[in-house]
């Protein structure tokens, strides 16, 4: 792993205070929580991009649903939940 870099950004003071409360309750520092948040964000964005690409690939292969088919599936799901 490469050595960490220091970055800075602007954030509302209220959010810093909330972050510090969470850090204190977890016996961690602010930097730890920010690193966890960034890692989570990056992971979620990668997962989303992969899902979008999978959808695009399915469309290229002709594996897609018409609007009417999607509406029918949603109606079925809604009726199952009742």
C-alpha atoms as a PDB file:
ATOM      1  CA  UNK A   1       0.000   0.000   0.000  1.00  0.00           C
ATOM      2  CA  UNK A   2       1.319   3.458  -0.823  1.00  0.00           C
ATOM      3  CA  UNK A   3       1.816   6.024   1.884  1.00  0.00           C
ATOM      4  CA  UNK A   4      -1.248   8.111   2.773  1.00  0.00           C
ATOM      5  CA  UNK A   5      -1.666  11.614   1.364  1.00  0.00           C
ATOM      6  CA  UNK A   6      -3.174  14.585   3.074  1.00  0.00           C
ATOM      7  CA  UNK A   7      -6.056  16.338   1.325  1.00  0.00           C
ATOM      8  CA  UNK A   8      -8.396  19.094   2.432  1.00  0.00           C
ATOM      9  CA  UNK A   9     -11.946  20.099   1.569  1.00  0.00           C
ATOM     10  CA  UNK A  10     -14.660  22.363   2.911  1.00  0.00           C
ATOM     11  CA  UNK A  11     -17.375  20.955   5.137  1.00  0.00           C
ATOM     12  CA  UNK A  12     -20.068  22.554   7.268  1.00  0.00           C
ATOM     13  CA  UNK A  13     -19.045  22.979  10.915  1.00  0.00           C
ATOM     14  CA  UNK A  14     -22.151  21.090  12.057  1.00  0.00           C
ATOM     15  CA  UNK A  15     -21.030  18.037  10.100  1.00  0.00           C
ATOM     16  CA  UNK A  16     -17.572  18.212  11.648  1.00  0.00           C
ATOM     17  CA  UNK A  17     -19.175  18.290  15.083  1.00  0.00           C
ATOM     18  CA  UNK A  18     -21.358  15.277  14.237  1.00  0.00           C
ATOM     19  CA  UNK A  19     -18.376  13.429  12.827  1.00  0.00           C
ATOM     20  CA  UNK A  20     -16.380  14.136  15.982  1.00  0.00           C
ATOM     21  CA  UNK A  21     -19.218  12.829  18.169  1.00  0.00           C
ATOM     22  CA  UNK A  22     -19.344   9.605  16.180  1.00  0.00           C
ATOM     23  CA  UNK A  23     -15.566   9.280  16.290  1.00  0.00           C
ATOM     24  CA  UNK A  24     -15.535   9.778  20.045  1.00  0.00           C
ATOM     25  CA  UNK A  25     -18.298   7.202  20.588  1.00  0.00           C
ATOM     26  CA  UNK A  26     -16.297   4.683  18.530  1.00  0.00           C
ATOM     27  CA  UNK A  27     -12.986   5.593  20.181  1.00  0.00           C
ATOM     28  CA  UNK A  28     -11.604   6.465  16.737  1.00  0.00           C
ATOM     29  CA  UNK A  29     -10.282   9.631  15.209  1.00  0.00           C
ATOM     30  CA  UNK A  30     -11.870  11.768  12.515  1.00  0.00           C
ATOM     31  CA  UNK A  31      -9.375  10.593   9.913  1.00  0.00           C
ATOM     32  CA  UNK A  32     -10.367   6.959  10.452  1.00  0.00           C
ATOM     33  CA  UNK A  33     -14.052   7.741   9.912  1.00  0.00           C
ATOM     34  CA  UNK A  34     -13.362   9.828   6.816  1.00  0.00           C
ATOM     35  CA  UNK A  35     -11.255   7.043   5.328  1.00  0.00           C
ATOM     36  CA  UNK A  36     -14.034   4.547   6.025  1.00  0.00           C
ATOM     37  CA  UNK A  37     -16.582   6.864   4.401  1.00  0.00           C
ATOM     38  CA  UNK A  38     -14.424   7.379   1.300  1.00  0.00           C
ATOM     39  CA  UNK A  39     -13.798   3.638   0.976  1.00  0.00           C
ATOM     40  CA  UNK A  40     -17.530   2.958   1.238  1.00  0.00           C
ATOM     41  CA  UNK A  41     -18.320   5.650  -1.346  1.00  0.00           C
ATOM     42  CA  UNK A  42     -15.738   4.351  -3.812  1.00  0.00           C
ATOM     43  CA  UNK A  43     -16.979   0.784  -3.387  1.00  0.00           C
ATOM     44  CA  UNK A  44     -20.592   1.818  -3.960  1.00  0.00           C
ATOM     45  CA  UNK A  45     -19.707   3.853  -7.046  1.00  0.00           C
ATOM     46  CA  UNK A  46     -17.751   0.926  -8.513  1.00  0.00           C
ATOM     47  CA  UNK A  47     -20.670  -1.415  -7.830  1.00  0.00           C
ATOM     48  CA  UNK A  48     -23.099   1.013  -9.470  1.00  0.00           C
ATOM     49  CA  UNK A  49     -20.847   1.452 -12.530  1.00  0.00           C
ATOM     50  CA  UNK A  50     -20.573  -2.334 -12.879  1.00  0.00           C
ATOM     51  CA  UNK A  51     -24.368  -2.680 -12.725  1.00  0.00           C
ATOM     52  CA  UNK A  52     -24.803   0.016 -15.372  1.00  0.00           C
ATOM     53  CA  UNK A  53     -22.264  -1.706 -17.625  1.00  0.00           C
ATOM     54  CA  UNK A  54     -24.002  -5.052 -17.091  1.00  0.00           C
ATOM     55  CA  UNK A  55     -27.286  -3.438 -18.117  1.00  0.00           C
ATOM     56  CA  UNK A  56     -25.710  -1.920 -21.209  1.00  0.00           C
ATOM     57  CA  UNK A  57     -24.208  -5.280 -22.147  1.00  0.00           C
ATOM     58  CA  UNK A  58     -27.589  -6.955 -21.720  1.00  0.00           C
ATOM     59  CA  UNK A  59     -29.169  -4.343 -23.996  1.00  0.00           C
ATOM     60  CA  UNK A  60     -26.461  -4.947 -26.615  1.00  0.00           C
ATOM     61  CA  UNK A  61     -27.268  -8.673 -26.423  1.00  0.00           C
ATOM     62  CA  UNK A  62     -30.993  -7.997 -26.768  1.00  0.00           C
ATOM     63  CA  UNK A  63     -31.710  -8.997 -23.178  1.00  0.00           C
ATOM     64  CA  UNK A  64     -34.074  -6.248 -22.078  1.00  0.00           C
ATOM     65  CA  UNK A  65     -37.681  -5.700 -21.086  1.00  0.00           C
ATOM     66  CA  UNK A  66     -40.253  -3.446 -22.709  1.00  0.00           C
ATOM     67  CA  UNK A  67     -41.892  -0.724 -20.657  1.00  0.00           C
ATOM     68  CA  UNK A  68     -45.108  -2.733 -20.581  1.00  0.00           C
ATOM     69  CA  UNK A  69     -43.284  -5.828 -19.290  1.00  0.00           C
ATOM     70  CA  UNK A  70     -41.707  -3.805 -16.487  1.00  0.00           C
ATOM     71  CA  UNK A  71     -45.076  -2.305 -15.534  1.00  0.00           C
ATOM     72  CA  UNK A  72     -46.589  -5.801 -15.422  1.00  0.00           C
ATOM     73  CA  UNK A  73     -43.744  -7.074 -13.195  1.00  0.00           C
ATOM     74  CA  UNK A  74     -44.107  -4.105 -10.831  1.00  0.00           C
ATOM     75  CA  UNK A  75     -47.858  -4.682 -10.599  1.00  0.00           C
ATOM     76  CA  UNK A  76     -47.230  -8.344  -9.754  1.00  0.00           C
ATOM     77  CA  UNK A  77     -44.709  -7.414  -7.057  1.00  0.00           C
ATOM     78  CA  UNK A  78     -47.087  -4.875  -5.560  1.00  0.00           C
ATOM     79  CA  UNK A  79     -49.930  -7.428  -5.400  1.00  0.00           C
ATOM     80  CA  UNK A  80     -47.668 -10.025  -3.756  1.00  0.00           C
ATOM     81  CA  UNK A  81     -46.786  -7.521  -1.025  1.00  0.00           C
ATOM     82  CA  UNK A  82     -50.433  -7.026  -0.009  1.00  0.00           C
END
